[in-house]
Amino acid sequence: MRRRNLGTLAGIALVGLALSGCSASAAGGNGNGGEAKHVLRVAFNQDINHPQAQALTELSDKLSAATDGQYSLQLYTDETLGDQASTIEQVQSGTIDLSVVAGSLLENFEPDFAVVNLPYVYDSPEQQMKVLNDPQIMGDLYDAVLDDNIKVLTAYHGGVRNVYSSKGPVKEPADLKSQKIRVIGSDTNVEMMKLMGGIGTPMAQGEVYTAIQSGVLDGAENNELIYSTLSHDEIAPYYSYTKHLMMPDYLIASPKVWDGMDKETQETFTKLLSESVDTELDLFAKAVDKAKAESEKAGAKFNDADVDAFREATKPLIDSKVTTDRTKAIYDAIQKSRG
């Protein structure tokens, strides 16, 4: 588990700097040794080398420069502040300012979020980001969670998710029969895995390695980057390109945090958030190539799967989730944006 431990140490070091009142440049501050007046605390469940972490670090530097040191971000990595579900609660209560969370978790507050978390709904990461960061398409859905004290600031690409297993290659739905596969905690994801042939088992990311190692789980589903970074290639060496899901991650805040900024700062932050989405897309693609190569060196075996078979198997999920006027409008907009 060498790679996972390295990531954890990086996160602990970063948090230690934050708690000791570190220099602004180390904390993503104004770069001249003074502390920014508003250091926004950001919870993140992966390590500091993750593309989203790198994009947020760059965002912090740009935000500090653009606001003369008035605003910057402090990133708490490696689930230091808790898993994603608990950090949503902390954002709502004001304990922390921002958090990066998986898109499916917002279904617990507004079920219509399921429409953008469906299998095989996007053609490419670029299309996904164009849709999810378009206020004309997504504004009404994002506004639906404001009453839950959640403001969606932007959507980030979270990779293309594929199945990996300790049992063997997964080439068709029948290969997943009786396999317990970790999914993010939502009814949509549990049902998706059932339709794909397996048994969807929600679990916090930090528990997955031990669960597969001990046989509680047979595998999981995620992108190549998480697979390699968390050393899941050590205990589930068969990675199959089912390409079933392109789930977004959201940077969320309490509306009070956003409303506490003046209009000029909000406009600057919005512009820089848009730039960070492009940065993250580029970094993610490069990181995935590197992660796959590292996993192959560790003994992982990558194989293609019958994508058409899995796509056909999961169609009932789309029919069951795209039922309201809002979800139908968003789903139609996604389809129109293809190609």
C-alpha atoms as a PDB file:
ATOM      1  CA  MET A   1       0.000   0.000   0.000  1.00  0.00           C
ATOM      2  CA  ARG A   2       2.996   2.306  -0.564  1.00  0.00           C
ATOM      3  CA  ARG A   3       1.292   4.794  -2.874  1.00  0.00           C
ATOM      4  CA  ARG A   4      -1.696   5.249  -0.594  1.00  0.00           C
ATOM      5  CA  ASN A   5       0.504   5.949   2.407  1.00  0.00           C
ATOM      6  CA  LEU A   6       2.498   8.571   0.498  1.00  0.00           C
ATOM      7  CA  GLY A   7      -0.712  10.402  -0.345  1.00  0.00           C
ATOM      8  CA  THR A   8      -1.813  10.351   3.268  1.00  0.00           C
ATOM      9  CA  LEU A   9       1.485  11.809   4.439  1.00  0.00           C
ATOM     10  CA  ALA A  10       1.144  14.635   1.931  1.00  0.00           C
ATOM     11  CA  GLY A  11      -2.317  15.394   3.273  1.00  0.00           C
ATOM     12  CA  ILE A  12      -1.173  15.374   6.883  1.00  0.00           C
ATOM     13  CA  ALA A  13       1.686  17.726   6.054  1.00  0.00           C
ATOM     14  CA  LEU A  14      -0.655  20.156   4.346  1.00  0.00           C
ATOM     15  CA  VAL A  15      -3.123  20.123   7.211  1.00  0.00           C
ATOM     16  CA  GLY A  16      -0.324  20.605   9.699  1.00  0.00           C
ATOM     17  CA  LEU A  17       0.677  23.762   7.869  1.00  0.00           C
ATOM     18  CA  ALA A  18      -2.881  25.016   7.955  1.00  0.00           C
ATOM     19  CA  LEU A  19      -3.323  24.401  11.668  1.00  0.00           C
ATOM     20  CA  SER A  20      -0.047  26.108  12.539  1.00  0.00           C
ATOM     21  CA  GLY A  21      -0.909  29.301  10.653  1.00  0.00           C
ATOM     22  CA  CYS A  22       1.501  28.659   7.797  1.00  0.00           C
ATOM     23  CA  SER A  23       2.775  31.173   5.277  1.00  0.00           C
ATOM     24  CA  ALA A  24       0.255  32.307   2.695  1.00  0.00           C
ATOM     25  CA  SER A  25       2.269  30.894  -0.183  1.00  0.00           C
ATOM     26  CA  ALA A  26       2.309  27.390   1.332  1.00  0.00           C
ATOM     27  CA  ALA A  27      -1.372  27.584   2.123  1.00  0.00           C
ATOM     28  CA  GLY A  28      -2.262  28.938  -1.297  1.00  0.00           C
ATOM     29  CA  GLY A  29      -2.373  32.485   0.048  1.00  0.00           C
ATOM     30  CA  ASN A  30      -1.100  35.797  -1.220  1.00  0.00           C
ATOM     31  CA  GLY A  31       2.489  34.682  -1.747  1.00  0.00           C
ATOM     32  CA  ASN A  32       4.178  37.474   0.259  1.00  0.00           C
ATOM     33  CA  GLY A  33       4.290  35.795   3.666  1.00  0.00           C
ATOM     34  CA  GLY A  34       1.124  37.394   5.044  1.00  0.00           C
ATOM     35  CA  GLU A  35      -2.116  35.614   5.741  1.00  0.00           C
ATOM     36  CA  ALA A  36      -5.140  36.153   3.522  1.00  0.00           C
ATOM     37  CA  LYS A  37      -8.097  37.705   5.277  1.00  0.00           C
ATOM     38  CA  HIS A  38     -10.480  34.976   4.113  1.00  0.00           C
ATOM     39  CA  VAL A  39      -8.890  31.522   3.932  1.00  0.00           C
ATOM     40  CA  LEU A  40     -11.639  29.205   2.734  1.00  0.00           C
ATOM     41  CA  ARG A  41     -11.267  25.668   4.097  1.00  0.00           C
ATOM     42  CA  VAL A  42     -11.789  22.981   1.444  1.00  0.00           C
ATOM     43  CA  ALA A  43     -12.388  19.299   2.288  1.00  0.00           C
ATOM     44  CA  PHE A  44     -11.048  16.804  -0.249  1.00  0.00           C
ATOM     45  CA  ASN A  45     -11.043  13.017  -0.074  1.00  0.00           C
ATOM     46  CA  GLN A  46      -8.033  12.269  -2.300  1.00  0.00           C
ATOM     47  CA  ASP A  47      -4.345  13.172  -2.024  1.00  0.00           C
ATOM     48  CA  ILE A  48      -2.596  16.409  -2.953  1.00  0.00           C
ATOM     49  CA  ASN A  49      -1.413  15.018  -6.302  1.00  0.00           C
ATOM     50  CA  HIS A  50      -4.962  14.470  -7.586  1.00  0.00           C
ATOM     51  CA  PRO A  51      -5.831  16.689 -10.603  1.00  0.00           C
ATOM     52  CA  GLN A  52      -8.694  18.305  -8.713  1.00  0.00           C
ATOM     53  CA  ALA A  53      -6.362  19.158  -5.829  1.00  0.00           C
ATOM     54  CA  GLN A  54      -3.860  20.630  -8.257  1.00  0.00           C
ATOM     55  CA  ALA A  55      -6.554  22.641 -10.023  1.00  0.00           C
ATOM     56  CA  LEU A  56      -7.798  23.970  -6.682  1.00  0.00           C
ATOM     57  CA  THR A  57      -4.265  24.916  -5.654  1.00  0.00           C
ATOM     58  CA  GLU A  58      -3.849  26.897  -8.865  1.00  0.00           C
ATOM     59  CA  LEU A  59      -7.294  28.417  -8.321  1.00  0.00           C
ATOM     60  CA  SER A  60      -6.238  29.552  -4.850  1.00  0.00           C
ATOM     61  CA  ASP A  61      -3.118  31.249  -6.183  1.00  0.00           C
ATOM     62  CA  LYS A  62      -5.087  33.068  -8.894  1.00  0.00           C
ATOM     63  CA  LEU A  63      -7.864  34.032  -6.483  1.00  0.00           C
ATOM     64  CA  SER A  64      -5.384  35.462  -4.003  1.00  0.00           C
ATOM     65  CA  ALA A  65      -3.598  37.434  -6.714  1.00  0.00           C
ATOM     66  CA  ALA A  66      -6.857  38.772  -8.156  1.00  0.00           C
ATOM     67  CA  THR A  67      -8.207  39.859  -4.747  1.00  0.00           C
ATOM     68  CA  ASP A  68      -4.957  41.315  -3.397  1.00  0.00           C
ATOM     69  CA  GLY A  69      -4.736  38.540  -0.813  1.00  0.00           C
ATOM     70  CA  GLN A  70      -8.267  38.929   0.463  1.00  0.00           C
ATOM     71  CA  TYR A  71      -9.312  35.373  -0.488  1.00  0.00           C
ATOM     72  CA  SER A  72      -7.487  32.060  -0.816  1.00  0.00           C
ATOM     73  CA  LEU A  73      -8.191  28.360  -0.327  1.00  0.00           C
ATOM     74  CA  GLN A  74      -6.784  25.895   2.211  1.00  0.00           C
ATOM     75  CA  LEU A  75      -7.043  22.296   1.049  1.00  0.00           C
ATOM     76  CA  TYR A  76      -7.511  19.466   3.570  1.00  0.00           C
ATOM     77  CA  THR A  77      -6.734  16.233   1.716  1.00  0.00           C
ATOM     78  CA  ASP A  78      -7.115  12.480   2.289  1.00  0.00           C
ATOM     79  CA  GLU A  79     -10.481  12.600   4.097  1.00  0.00           C
ATOM     80  CA  THR A  80      -8.783  14.427   6.975  1.00  0.00           C
ATOM     81  CA  LEU A  81     -12.062  16.199   7.722  1.00  0.00           C
ATOM     82  CA  GLY A  82     -14.150  13.073   7.157  1.00  0.00           C
ATOM     83  CA  ASP A  83     -15.703  11.243   4.227  1.00  0.00           C
ATOM     84  CA  GLN A  84     -17.634  13.160   1.607  1.00  0.00           C
ATOM     85  CA  ALA A  85     -21.048  12.638   3.188  1.00  0.00           C
ATOM     86  CA  SER A  86     -19.892  14.056   6.510  1.00  0.00           C
ATOM     87  CA  THR A  87     -18.194  17.027   4.858  1.00  0.00           C
ATOM     88  CA  ILE A  88     -21.485  17.982   3.212  1.00  0.00           C
ATOM     89  CA  GLU A  89     -22.958  18.224   6.707  1.00  0.00           C
ATOM     90  CA  GLN A  90     -20.002  20.338   7.819  1.00  0.00           C
ATOM     91  CA  VAL A  91     -20.498  22.711   4.907  1.00  0.00           C
ATOM     92  CA  GLN A  92     -24.182  22.994   5.796  1.00  0.00           C
ATOM     93  CA  SER A  93     -23.380  23.783   9.426  1.00  0.00           C
ATOM     94  CA  GLY A  94     -20.573  26.194   8.583  1.00  0.00           C
ATOM     95  CA  THR A  95     -17.832  24.081  10.206  1.00  0.00           C
ATOM     96  CA  ILE A  96     -15.942  24.165   6.904  1.00  0.00           C
ATOM     97  CA  ASP A  97     -16.374  26.450   3.918  1.00  0.00           C
ATOM     98  CA  LEU A  98     -16.107  24.240   0.827  1.00  0.00           C
ATOM     99  CA  SER A  99     -15.992  20.564  -0.083  1.00  0.00           C
ATOM    100  CA  VAL A 100     -15.508  18.463  -3.193  1.00  0.00           C
ATOM    101  CA  VAL A 101     -18.195  15.762  -3.254  1.00  0.00           C
ATOM    102  CA  ALA A 102     -19.370  13.075  -5.638  1.00  0.00           C
ATOM    103  CA  GLY A 103     -22.381  14.048  -7.700  1.00  0.00           C
ATOM    104  CA  SER A 104     -24.484  11.126  -6.545  1.00  0.00           C
ATOM    105  CA  LEU A 105     -24.430  12.325  -2.927  1.00  0.00           C
ATOM    106  CA  LEU A 106     -26.558  15.334  -3.838  1.00  0.00           C
ATOM    107  CA  GLU A 107     -29.341  12.933  -4.829  1.00  0.00           C
ATOM    108  CA  ASN A 108     -29.933  12.530  -1.098  1.00  0.00           C
ATOM    109  CA  PHE A 109     -31.069  16.167  -1.023  1.00  0.00           C
ATOM    110  CA  GLU A 110     -32.692  16.417  -4.460  1.00  0.00           C
ATOM    111  CA  PRO A 111     -33.505  13.165  -6.293  1.00  0.00           C
ATOM    112  CA  ASP A 112     -33.461  14.924  -9.670  1.00  0.00           C
ATOM    113  CA  PHE A 113     -29.645  15.033  -9.470  1.00  0.00           C
ATOM    114  CA  ALA A 114     -29.808  11.413 -10.605  1.00  0.00           C
ATOM    115  CA  VAL A 115     -30.315  12.552 -14.194  1.00  0.00           C
ATOM    116  CA  VAL A 116     -26.702  13.757 -14.512  1.00  0.00           C
ATOM    117  CA  ASN A 117     -25.303  10.656 -12.787  1.00  0.00           C
ATOM    118  CA  LEU A 118     -26.808   8.088 -15.135  1.00  0.00           C
ATOM    119  CA  PRO A 119     -24.735   5.468 -16.966  1.00  0.00           C
ATOM    120  CA  TYR A 120     -23.697   6.111 -20.555  1.00  0.00           C
ATOM    121  CA  VAL A 121     -25.231   9.593 -20.661  1.00  0.00           C
ATOM    122  CA  TYR A 122     -22.135  11.520 -21.856  1.00  0.00           C
ATOM    123  CA  ASP A 123     -19.976  11.153 -24.949  1.00  0.00           C
ATOM    124  CA  SER A 124     -16.838  12.763 -23.546  1.00  0.00           C
ATOM    125  CA  PRO A 125     -15.447  14.588 -20.511  1.00  0.00           C
ATOM    126  CA  GLU A 126     -15.540  17.829 -22.498  1.00  0.00           C
ATOM    127  CA  GLN A 127     -19.250  17.431 -23.249  1.00  0.00           C
ATOM    128  CA  GLN A 128     -19.933  16.556 -19.619  1.00  0.00           C
ATOM    129  CA  MET A 129     -18.232  19.705 -18.334  1.00  0.00           C
ATOM    130  CA  LYS A 130     -19.903  21.929 -20.930  1.00  0.00           C
ATOM    131  CA  VAL A 131     -23.338  20.691 -19.857  1.00  0.00           C
ATOM    132  CA  LEU A 132     -22.812  20.655 -16.100  1.00  0.00           C
ATOM    133  CA  ASN A 133     -21.347  24.152 -15.989  1.00  0.00           C
ATOM    134  CA  ASP A 134     -24.039  25.698 -18.185  1.00  0.00           C
ATOM    135  CA  PRO A 135     -26.412  27.756 -15.982  1.00  0.00           C
ATOM    136  CA  GLN A 136     -29.101  27.611 -18.669  1.00  0.00           C
ATOM    137  CA  ILE A 137     -29.212  23.812 -18.373  1.00  0.00           C
ATOM    138  CA  MET A 138     -28.309  23.240 -14.726  1.00  0.00           C
ATOM    139  CA  GLY A 139     -29.286  26.423 -12.897  1.00  0.00           C
ATOM    140  CA  ASP A 140     -32.712  25.268 -11.752  1.00  0.00           C
ATOM    141  CA  LEU A 141     -31.363  21.953 -10.452  1.00  0.00           C
ATOM    142  CA  TYR A 142     -28.489  23.590  -8.590  1.00  0.00           C
ATOM    143  CA  ASP A 143     -30.875  26.129  -7.058  1.00  0.00           C
ATOM    144  CA  ALA A 144     -32.982  23.239  -5.744  1.00  0.00           C
ATOM    145  CA  VAL A 145     -30.456  22.506  -2.972  1.00  0.00           C
ATOM    146  CA  LEU A 146     -30.018  26.088  -1.780  1.00  0.00           C
ATOM    147  CA  ASP A 147     -32.707  25.504   0.839  1.00  0.00           C
ATOM    148  CA  ASP A 148     -30.545  22.630   2.115  1.00  0.00           C
ATOM    149  CA  ASN A 149     -27.764  25.175   2.664  1.00  0.00           C
ATOM    150  CA  ILE A 150     -25.773  23.855  -0.291  1.00  0.00           C
ATOM    151  CA  LYS A 151     -24.523  26.000  -3.154  1.00  0.00           C
ATOM    152  CA  VAL A 152     -22.933  24.278  -6.157  1.00  0.00           C
ATOM    153  CA  LEU A 153     -19.993  26.438  -7.253  1.00  0.00           C
ATOM    154  CA  THR A 154     -18.801  24.295 -10.153  1.00  0.00           C
ATOM    155  CA  ALA A 155     -18.666  20.753 -11.504  1.00  0.00           C
ATOM    156  CA  TYR A 156     -15.383  18.930 -12.103  1.00  0.00           C
ATOM    157  CA  HIS A 157     -14.720  15.869 -14.217  1.00  0.00           C
ATOM    158  CA  GLY A 158     -14.383  12.827 -11.979  1.00  0.00           C
ATOM    159  CA  GLY A 159     -13.059  10.379 -14.549  1.00  0.00           C
ATOM    160  CA  VAL A 160     -14.630   7.548 -16.497  1.00  0.00           C
ATOM    161  CA  ARG A 161     -15.574   4.793 -14.084  1.00  0.00           C
ATOM    162  CA  ASN A 162     -14.899   1.137 -14.852  1.00  0.00           C
ATOM    163  CA  VAL A 163     -15.224  -2.092 -12.879  1.00  0.00           C
ATOM    164  CA  TYR A 164     -12.256  -3.795 -11.242  1.00  0.00           C
ATOM    165  CA  SER A 165     -12.325  -7.132  -9.485  1.00  0.00           C
ATOM    166  CA  SER A 166     -10.272  -9.628  -7.540  1.00  0.00           C
ATOM    167  CA  LYS A 167     -12.093 -12.502  -9.247  1.00  0.00           C
ATOM    168  CA  GLY A 168     -11.152 -12.017 -12.881  1.00  0.00           C
ATOM    169  CA  PRO A 169     -11.904  -9.939 -15.986  1.00  0.00           C
ATOM    170  CA  VAL A 170     -15.422  -8.532 -16.341  1.00  0.00           C
ATOM    171  CA  LYS A 171     -16.259  -8.654 -20.024  1.00  0.00           C
ATOM    172  CA  GLU A 172     -20.054  -8.939 -19.900  1.00  0.00           C
ATOM    173  CA  PRO A 173     -22.844  -8.616 -17.279  1.00  0.00           C
ATOM    174  CA  ALA A 174     -22.787 -12.334 -16.520  1.00  0.00           C
ATOM    175  CA  ASP A 175     -19.217 -11.996 -15.239  1.00  0.00           C
ATOM    176  CA  LEU A 176     -20.439  -9.833 -12.360  1.00  0.00           C
ATOM    177  CA  LYS A 177     -22.917 -12.387 -11.046  1.00  0.00           C
ATOM    178  CA  SER A 178     -22.797 -12.593  -7.220  1.00  0.00           C
ATOM    179  CA  GLN A 179     -19.866 -10.149  -7.034  1.00  0.00           C
ATOM    180  CA  LYS A 180     -20.080  -7.461  -4.352  1.00  0.00           C
ATOM    181  CA  ILE A 181     -18.859  -4.255  -5.961  1.00  0.00           C
ATOM    182  CA  ARG A 182     -18.326  -1.037  -4.021  1.00  0.00           C
ATOM    183  CA  VAL A 183     -20.376   1.896  -5.285  1.00  0.00           C
ATOM    184  CA  ILE A 184     -20.904   5.422  -4.003  1.00  0.00           C
ATOM    185  CA  GLY A 185     -23.834   5.586  -1.608  1.00  0.00           C
ATOM    186  CA  SER A 186     -26.955   6.333  -3.625  1.00  0.00           C
ATOM    187  CA  ASP A 187     -29.968   4.333  -4.738  1.00  0.00           C
ATOM    188  CA  THR A 188     -29.093   5.124  -8.344  1.00  0.00           C
ATOM    189  CA  ASN A 189     -25.654   3.544  -8.096  1.00  0.00           C
ATOM    190  CA  VAL A 190     -26.904   0.490  -6.237  1.00  0.00           C
ATOM    191  CA  GLU A 191     -29.560  -0.080  -8.891  1.00  0.00           C
ATOM    192  CA  MET A 192     -27.045   0.538 -11.678  1.00  0.00           C
ATOM    193  CA  MET A 193     -24.735  -2.183 -10.401  1.00  0.00           C
ATOM    194  CA  LYS A 194     -27.649  -4.569 -10.016  1.00  0.00           C
ATOM    195  CA  LEU A 195     -28.582  -4.045 -13.663  1.00  0.00           C
ATOM    196  CA  MET A 196     -24.938  -4.539 -14.639  1.00  0.00           C
ATOM    197  CA  GLY A 197     -25.072  -7.961 -12.996  1.00  0.00           C
ATOM    198  CA  GLY A 198     -23.386  -7.359  -9.655  1.00  0.00           C
ATOM    199  CA  ILE A 199     -24.326  -6.432  -6.097  1.00  0.00           C
ATOM    200  CA  GLY A 200     -23.829  -2.729  -5.432  1.00  0.00           C
ATOM    201  CA  THR A 201     -22.364  -2.173  -1.957  1.00  0.00           C
ATOM    202  CA  PRO A 202     -22.051   1.438  -0.728  1.00  0.00           C
ATOM    203  CA  MET A 203     -18.948   2.093   1.346  1.00  0.00           C
ATOM    204  CA  ALA A 204     -16.666   5.022   2.249  1.00  0.00           C
ATOM    205  CA  GLN A 205     -13.617   5.170  -0.004  1.00  0.00           C
ATOM    206  CA  GLY A 206     -11.179   4.800   2.869  1.00  0.00           C
ATOM    207  CA  GLU A 207     -12.603   1.392   3.783  1.00  0.00           C
ATOM    208  CA  VAL A 208     -12.496  -0.198   0.336  1.00  0.00           C
ATOM    209  CA  TYR A 209      -8.910  -1.515   0.315  1.00  0.00           C
ATOM    210  CA  THR A 210      -9.359  -3.543   3.491  1.00  0.00           C
ATOM    211  CA  ALA A 211     -12.811  -4.727   2.422  1.00  0.00           C
ATOM    212  CA  ILE A 212     -11.501  -6.170  -0.858  1.00  0.00           C
ATOM    213  CA  GLN A 213      -8.419  -7.571   0.846  1.00  0.00           C
ATOM    214  CA  SER A 214     -10.554  -9.383   3.440  1.00  0.00           C
ATOM    215  CA  GLY A 215     -13.154 -10.614   0.950  1.00  0.00           C
ATOM    216  CA  VAL A 216     -15.998  -8.425   2.199  1.00  0.00           C
ATOM    217  CA  LEU A 217     -15.986  -6.941  -1.304  1.00  0.00           C
ATOM    218  CA  ASP A 218     -15.021  -8.579  -4.572  1.00  0.00           C
ATOM    219  CA  GLY A 219     -14.135  -5.305  -6.230  1.00  0.00           C
ATOM    220  CA  ALA A 220     -15.164  -1.733  -6.924  1.00  0.00           C
ATOM    221  CA  GLU A 221     -15.773   0.688  -9.773  1.00  0.00           C
ATOM    222  CA  ASN A 222     -13.778   3.844 -10.338  1.00  0.00           C
ATOM    223  CA  ASN A 223     -11.351   5.543 -12.690  1.00  0.00           C
ATOM    224  CA  GLU A 224      -7.759   4.474 -13.290  1.00  0.00           C
ATOM    225  CA  LEU A 225      -6.392   7.272 -11.156  1.00  0.00           C
ATOM    226  CA  ILE A 226      -8.183   6.229  -7.963  1.00  0.00           C
ATOM    227  CA  TYR A 227      -7.478   2.581  -8.738  1.00  0.00           C
ATOM    228  CA  SER A 228      -3.735   3.241  -8.803  1.00  0.00           C
ATOM    229  CA  THR A 229      -3.443   5.963  -6.150  1.00  0.00           C
ATOM    230  CA  LEU A 230      -5.288   3.941  -3.499  1.00  0.00           C
ATOM    231  CA  SER A 231      -3.338   0.789  -4.427  1.00  0.00           C
ATOM    232  CA  HIS A 232      -6.487  -1.145  -5.299  1.00  0.00           C
ATOM    233  CA  ASP A 233      -4.447  -2.713  -8.110  1.00  0.00           C
ATOM    234  CA  GLU A 234      -2.709  -4.736  -5.376  1.00  0.00           C
ATOM    235  CA  ILE A 235      -5.865  -6.558  -4.288  1.00  0.00           C
ATOM    236  CA  ALA A 236      -8.132  -6.342  -7.366  1.00  0.00           C
ATOM    237  CA  PRO A 237      -5.804  -6.720 -10.348  1.00  0.00           C
ATOM    238  CA  TYR A 238      -8.449  -7.108 -13.075  1.00  0.00           C
ATOM    239  CA  TYR A 239      -9.527  -3.736 -14.476  1.00  0.00           C
ATOM    240  CA  SER A 240     -12.256  -3.933 -17.118  1.00  0.00           C
ATOM    241  CA  TYR A 241     -13.286  -1.057 -19.386  1.00  0.00           C
ATOM    242  CA  THR A 242     -17.035  -1.119 -18.890  1.00  0.00           C
ATOM    243  CA  LYS A 243     -17.003   2.702 -19.289  1.00  0.00           C
ATOM    244  CA  HIS A 244     -20.343   2.755 -17.515  1.00  0.00           C
ATOM    245  CA  LEU A 245     -20.250   6.044 -15.703  1.00  0.00           C
ATOM    246  CA  MET A 246     -18.853   9.544 -16.000  1.00  0.00           C
ATOM    247  CA  MET A 247     -19.919  10.961 -12.664  1.00  0.00           C
ATOM    248  CA  PRO A 248     -19.125  14.579 -11.835  1.00  0.00           C
ATOM    249  CA  ASP A 249     -17.672  15.905  -8.634  1.00  0.00           C
ATOM    250  CA  TYR A 250     -19.002  19.188  -7.280  1.00  0.00           C
ATOM    251  CA  LEU A 251     -17.281  21.956  -5.400  1.00  0.00           C
ATOM    252  CA  ILE A 252     -19.948  23.038  -2.921  1.00  0.00           C
ATOM    253  CA  ALA A 253     -20.237  25.788  -0.338  1.00  0.00           C
ATOM    254  CA  SER A 254     -22.759  27.140   2.088  1.00  0.00           C
ATOM    255  CA  PRO A 255     -24.761  29.959   0.457  1.00  0.00           C
ATOM    256  CA  LYS A 256     -23.590  32.112   3.393  1.00  0.00           C
ATOM    257  CA  VAL A 257     -19.991  31.771   2.242  1.00  0.00           C
ATOM    258  CA  TRP A 258     -20.906  32.919  -1.253  1.00  0.00           C
ATOM    259  CA  ASP A 259     -23.183  35.708  -0.057  1.00  0.00           C
ATOM    260  CA  GLY A 260     -20.391  36.959   2.177  1.00  0.00           C
ATOM    261  CA  MET A 261     -18.376  37.952  -0.903  1.00  0.00           C
ATOM    262  CA  ASP A 262     -18.915  41.269  -2.626  1.00  0.00           C
ATOM    263  CA  LYS A 263     -20.150  41.231  -6.223  1.00  0.00           C
ATOM    264  CA  GLU A 264     -16.729  41.903  -7.713  1.00  0.00           C
ATOM    265  CA  THR A 265     -15.193  38.977  -5.809  1.00  0.00           C
ATOM    266  CA  GLN A 266     -18.052  36.703  -6.861  1.00  0.00           C
ATOM    267  CA  GLU A 267     -17.472  37.616 -10.507  1.00  0.00           C
ATOM    268  CA  THR A 268     -13.731  37.020 -10.176  1.00  0.00           C
ATOM    269  CA  PHE A 269     -14.265  33.703  -8.402  1.00  0.00           C
ATOM    270  CA  THR A 270     -16.753  32.570 -11.075  1.00  0.00           C
ATOM    271  CA  LYS A 271     -14.285  33.342 -13.862  1.00  0.00           C
ATOM    272  CA  LEU A 272     -11.457  31.528 -12.104  1.00  0.00           C
ATOM    273  CA  LEU A 273     -13.671  28.530 -11.360  1.00  0.00           C
ATOM    274  CA  SER A 274     -14.352  28.207 -15.090  1.00  0.00           C
ATOM    275  CA  GLU A 275     -10.624  28.289 -15.811  1.00  0.00           C
ATOM    276  CA  SER A 276     -10.013  25.653 -13.145  1.00  0.00           C
ATOM    277  CA  VAL A 277     -12.438  23.273 -14.889  1.00  0.00           C
ATOM    278  CA  ASP A 278     -10.304  23.383 -18.052  1.00  0.00           C
ATOM    279  CA  THR A 279      -7.130  22.970 -16.014  1.00  0.00           C
ATOM    280  CA  GLU A 280      -8.543  19.944 -14.222  1.00  0.00           C
ATOM    281  CA  LEU A 281      -9.644  18.289 -17.476  1.00  0.00           C
ATOM    282  CA  ASP A 282      -6.140  18.548 -18.904  1.00  0.00           C
ATOM    283  CA  LEU A 283      -4.464  17.356 -15.714  1.00  0.00           C
ATOM    284  CA  PHE A 284      -6.893  14.461 -15.348  1.00  0.00           C
ATOM    285  CA  ALA A 285      -6.162  13.071 -18.805  1.00  0.00           C
ATOM    286  CA  LYS A 286      -2.418  13.131 -18.160  1.00  0.00           C
ATOM    287  CA  ALA A 287      -2.805  11.622 -14.699  1.00  0.00           C
ATOM    288  CA  VAL A 288      -4.907   8.734 -15.996  1.00  0.00           C
ATOM    289  CA  ASP A 289      -2.214   7.751 -18.517  1.00  0.00           C
ATOM    290  CA  LYS A 290       0.409   7.789 -15.779  1.00  0.00           C
ATOM    291  CA  ALA A 291      -1.785   5.873 -13.334  1.00  0.00           C
ATOM    292  CA  LYS A 292      -2.527   3.118 -15.839  1.00  0.00           C
ATOM    293  CA  ALA A 293       1.170   2.650 -16.549  1.00  0.00           C
ATOM    294  CA  GLU A 294       1.935   2.454 -12.813  1.00  0.00           C
ATOM    295  CA  SER A 295      -0.829  -0.106 -12.231  1.00  0.00           C
ATOM    296  CA  GLU A 296       0.440  -2.250 -15.076  1.00  0.00           C
ATOM    297  CA  LYS A 297       3.884  -2.209 -13.476  1.00  0.00           C
ATOM    298  CA  ALA A 298       2.220  -3.332 -10.236  1.00  0.00           C
ATOM    299  CA  GLY A 299       0.714  -6.333 -12.041  1.00  0.00           C
ATOM    300  CA  ALA A 300      -2.744  -5.079 -12.970  1.00  0.00           C
ATOM    301  CA  LYS A 301      -4.332  -6.400 -16.151  1.00  0.00           C
ATOM    302  CA  PHE A 302      -6.546  -4.111 -18.237  1.00  0.00           C
ATOM    303  CA  ASN A 303      -9.147  -5.520 -20.609  1.00  0.00           C
ATOM    304  CA  ASP A 304     -11.973  -4.304 -22.839  1.00  0.00           C
ATOM    305  CA  ALA A 305     -15.586  -5.134 -22.050  1.00  0.00           C
ATOM    306  CA  ASP A 306     -18.767  -5.419 -24.098  1.00  0.00           C
ATOM    307  CA  VAL A 307     -19.855  -1.814 -23.590  1.00  0.00           C
ATOM    308  CA  ASP A 308     -22.973  -2.246 -25.720  1.00  0.00           C
ATOM    309  CA  ALA A 309     -24.157  -5.112 -23.517  1.00  0.00           C
ATOM    310  CA  PHE A 310     -23.719  -3.054 -20.354  1.00  0.00           C
ATOM    311  CA  ARG A 311     -25.341  -0.009 -21.963  1.00  0.00           C
ATOM    312  CA  GLU A 312     -28.388  -2.075 -22.924  1.00  0.00           C
ATOM    313  CA  ALA A 313     -28.554  -3.637 -19.454  1.00  0.00           C
ATOM    314  CA  THR A 314     -28.694  -0.248 -17.730  1.00  0.00           C
ATOM    315  CA  LYS A 315     -31.361   1.366 -19.952  1.00  0.00           C
ATOM    316  CA  PRO A 316     -34.170   0.661 -17.436  1.00  0.00           C
ATOM    317  CA  LEU A 317     -32.390   2.960 -14.987  1.00  0.00           C
ATOM    318  CA  ILE A 318     -32.741   5.890 -17.372  1.00  0.00           C
ATOM    319  CA  ASP A 319     -36.454   5.193 -17.796  1.00  0.00           C
ATOM    320  CA  SER A 320     -36.944   5.088 -14.031  1.00  0.00           C
ATOM    321  CA  LYS A 321     -35.000   8.278 -13.256  1.00  0.00           C
ATOM    322  CA  VAL A 322     -35.969  10.596 -16.104  1.00  0.00           C
ATOM    323  CA  THR A 323     -39.559  11.159 -15.009  1.00  0.00           C
ATOM    324  CA  THR A 324     -39.990  14.805 -13.944  1.00  0.00           C
ATOM    325  CA  ASP A 325     -40.178  17.884 -16.152  1.00  0.00           C
ATOM    326  CA  ARG A 326     -36.794  19.012 -14.812  1.00  0.00           C
ATOM    327  CA  THR A 327     -35.012  15.716 -15.442  1.00  0.00           C
ATOM    328  CA  LYS A 328     -36.543  15.371 -18.905  1.00  0.00           C
ATOM    329  CA  ALA A 329     -35.383  18.874 -19.840  1.00  0.00           C
ATOM    330  CA  ILE A 330     -31.839  18.220 -18.603  1.00  0.00           C
ATOM    331  CA  TYR A 331     -31.643  14.795 -20.228  1.00  0.00           C
ATOM    332  CA  ASP A 332     -32.844  16.221 -23.551  1.00  0.00           C
ATOM    333  CA  ALA A 333     -30.278  19.020 -23.316  1.00  0.00           C
ATOM    334  CA  ILE A 334     -27.510  16.472 -22.742  1.00  0.00           C
ATOM    335  CA  GLN A 335     -28.613  14.468 -25.763  1.00  0.00           C
ATOM    336  CA  LYS A 336     -28.723  17.595 -27.948  1.00  0.00           C
ATOM    337  CA  SER A 337     -25.193  18.515 -26.889  1.00  0.00           C
ATOM    338  CA  ARG A 338     -23.728  15.261 -28.244  1.00  0.00           C
ATOM    339  CA  GLY A 339     -21.326  15.571 -31.139  1.00  0.00           C
END
